[in-house]
Amino acid sequence: MSQPKDVLLASAEQLQQAAATVPPGREREWAARVAGAMAGVGRALRKHGTPGLFEQVDLERPSLAHQAAELSQEHRELLARAEALEAEARAAAGAEPPASPDFGLLRQRVQQFAAALSEHRQDENGLVIESVTTDLGAAD
């Protein structure tokens, strides 16, 4: 039996691949790929953030409830950043000469976003593991 696919992880990996390098002379095509990948991340974040995200977390424990609230807020902020970066990449992809978007800066922002998204996922997983581990320890 196969594991359910982590859509957020898959879209984050696609984003990292798309943002890896900006081929000289093909910057607008690169920006279009990044915009598509950012759109995928946005869809995954919306799906990932549906109610029940922390259903395995014991929200009766104040420290865990506080962490869950912080992660939920961070999740909304990541979604807003994803949408802004998608728009920025689409604008860069459609820019007509002589406009010259700063593709290096865009790549840097996308990479920073990808790192923040990875850290966020690790924090979410850590919270769930902490809650489950604590529950198992309490059951002993």
Protein backbone atom coordinates (compact mmCIF):
# COMPACT_ATOMS: atom_id res chain seq x y z
CA MET A 1 0.00 0.00 0.00
CA SER A 2 1.47 3.35 -0.99
CA GLN A 3 1.66 6.38 1.25
CA PRO A 4 -0.57 9.37 0.40
CA LYS A 5 1.41 11.87 -1.61
CA ASP A 6 2.43 15.02 0.24
CA VAL A 7 1.23 17.62 -2.26
CA LEU A 8 2.96 20.45 -0.41
CA LEU A 9 6.28 18.61 -0.42
CA ALA A 10 5.94 17.78 -4.11
CA SER A 11 5.13 21.38 -5.05
CA ALA A 12 8.00 22.69 -2.90
CA GLU A 13 10.38 20.33 -4.70
CA GLN A 14 9.07 21.50 -8.08
CA LEU A 15 9.65 25.08 -7.00
CA GLN A 16 13.22 24.34 -5.95
CA GLN A 17 13.90 22.68 -9.29
CA ALA A 18 12.36 25.56 -11.24
CA ALA A 19 14.32 28.17 -9.28
CA ALA A 20 17.64 26.31 -9.34
CA THR A 21 19.31 28.28 -12.12
CA VAL A 22 18.43 31.16 -14.39
CA PRO A 23 19.65 30.20 -17.86
CA PRO A 24 21.32 33.18 -19.55
CA GLY A 25 19.13 34.56 -22.32
CA ARG A 26 16.10 32.55 -21.14
CA GLU A 27 15.24 34.53 -18.04
CA ARG A 28 11.63 35.16 -19.03
CA GLU A 29 11.01 31.45 -19.67
CA TRP A 30 12.60 30.73 -16.28
CA ALA A 31 10.33 33.29 -14.62
CA ALA A 32 7.28 31.68 -16.27
CA ARG A 33 8.32 28.26 -14.88
CA VAL A 34 8.83 29.79 -11.45
CA ALA A 35 5.42 31.47 -11.64
CA GLY A 36 3.82 28.11 -12.48
CA ALA A 37 5.66 26.42 -9.62
CA MET A 38 4.62 29.21 -7.23
CA ALA A 39 1.00 28.73 -8.31
CA GLY A 40 1.35 25.04 -7.45
CA VAL A 41 2.76 25.91 -4.04
CA GLY A 42 -0.14 28.30 -3.45
CA ARG A 43 -2.68 25.59 -4.32
CA ALA A 44 -0.88 23.13 -2.05
CA LEU A 45 -0.77 25.63 0.81
CA ARG A 46 -4.51 26.28 0.48
CA LYS A 47 -5.22 22.54 0.50
CA HIS A 48 -2.71 21.86 3.27
CA GLY A 49 -4.20 24.59 5.43
CA THR A 50 -7.70 23.20 5.44
CA PRO A 51 -9.37 22.56 8.80
CA GLY A 52 -7.92 19.57 10.54
CA LEU A 53 -4.30 20.45 9.85
CA PHE A 54 -3.50 19.94 13.52
CA GLU A 55 -6.16 17.35 14.30
CA GLN A 56 -3.48 15.04 15.70
CA VAL A 57 -2.27 17.75 18.09
CA ASP A 58 -3.54 17.85 21.66
CA LEU A 59 -4.88 21.41 21.60
CA GLU A 60 -5.92 21.08 25.26
CA ARG A 61 -2.26 21.60 26.15
CA PRO A 62 -1.63 25.36 26.14
CA SER A 63 1.93 25.14 24.83
CA LEU A 64 0.88 22.97 21.89
CA ALA A 65 -2.19 25.11 21.19
CA HIS A 66 0.04 28.21 21.14
CA GLN A 67 2.48 26.55 18.72
CA ALA A 68 -0.41 25.44 16.49
CA ALA A 69 -1.81 29.00 16.44
CA GLU A 70 1.61 30.41 15.52
CA LEU A 71 2.06 27.85 12.75
CA SER A 72 -1.42 28.58 11.42
CA GLN A 73 -0.57 32.30 11.24
CA GLU A 74 2.76 31.51 9.57
CA HIS A 75 0.90 29.31 7.11
CA ARG A 76 -1.33 32.23 6.08
CA GLU A 77 1.74 34.45 5.71
CA LEU A 78 3.47 31.86 3.52
CA LEU A 79 0.39 31.69 1.31
CA ALA A 80 0.41 35.49 0.92
CA ARG A 81 4.14 35.40 0.08
CA ALA A 82 3.57 32.61 -2.45
CA GLU A 83 0.86 34.63 -4.17
CA ALA A 84 3.04 37.77 -4.24
CA LEU A 85 6.02 35.86 -5.65
CA GLU A 86 3.83 34.22 -8.27
CA ALA A 87 2.61 37.66 -9.37
CA GLU A 88 6.17 39.01 -9.39
CA ALA A 89 7.40 36.09 -11.48
CA ARG A 90 4.49 36.42 -13.93
CA ALA A 91 5.24 40.13 -14.32
CA ALA A 92 8.93 39.36 -14.92
CA ALA A 93 8.03 36.68 -17.47
CA GLY A 94 5.81 39.11 -19.36
CA ALA A 95 8.10 42.14 -19.17
CA GLU A 96 8.83 43.58 -22.58
CA PRO A 97 12.18 45.12 -23.46
CA PRO A 98 13.56 47.58 -22.55
CA ALA A 99 12.18 46.60 -19.12
CA SER A 100 14.73 44.44 -17.40
CA PRO A 101 13.47 42.75 -14.24
CA ASP A 102 16.06 41.77 -11.66
CA PHE A 103 15.92 38.00 -12.16
CA GLY A 104 18.74 37.44 -9.68
CA LEU A 105 16.77 39.20 -6.96
CA LEU A 106 13.64 37.26 -7.87
CA ARG A 107 15.60 33.99 -7.67
CA GLN A 108 16.94 35.02 -4.25
CA ARG A 109 13.42 35.78 -2.97
CA VAL A 110 12.11 32.48 -4.28
CA GLN A 111 14.95 30.57 -2.64
CA GLN A 112 14.34 32.37 0.67
CA PHE A 113 10.66 31.48 0.40
CA ALA A 114 11.51 27.82 -0.32
CA ALA A 115 13.76 27.73 2.76
CA ALA A 116 11.03 29.30 4.93
CA LEU A 117 8.49 26.81 3.59
CA SER A 118 10.81 23.90 4.39
CA GLU A 119 11.36 25.19 7.92
CA HIS A 120 7.61 25.65 8.36
CA ARG A 121 6.95 22.04 7.30
CA GLN A 122 9.60 20.81 9.74
CA ASP A 123 8.01 22.83 12.54
CA GLU A 124 4.56 21.43 11.72
CA ASN A 125 5.90 17.88 11.71
CA GLY A 126 7.73 18.52 14.98
CA LEU A 127 4.56 19.77 16.62
CA VAL A 128 2.60 16.70 15.57
CA ILE A 129 5.40 14.39 16.71
CA GLU A 130 5.68 16.20 20.05
CA SER A 131 1.96 15.88 20.65
CA VAL A 132 1.80 12.20 19.69
CA THR A 133 4.94 11.36 21.69
CA THR A 134 3.55 13.15 24.74
CA ASP A 135 0.22 11.37 24.37
CA LEU A 136 1.97 8.00 24.11
CA GLY A 137 4.09 8.79 27.16
CA ALA A 138 0.99 9.76 29.14
CA ALA A 139 -0.67 6.48 28.23
CA ASP A 140 2.15 4.41 29.77
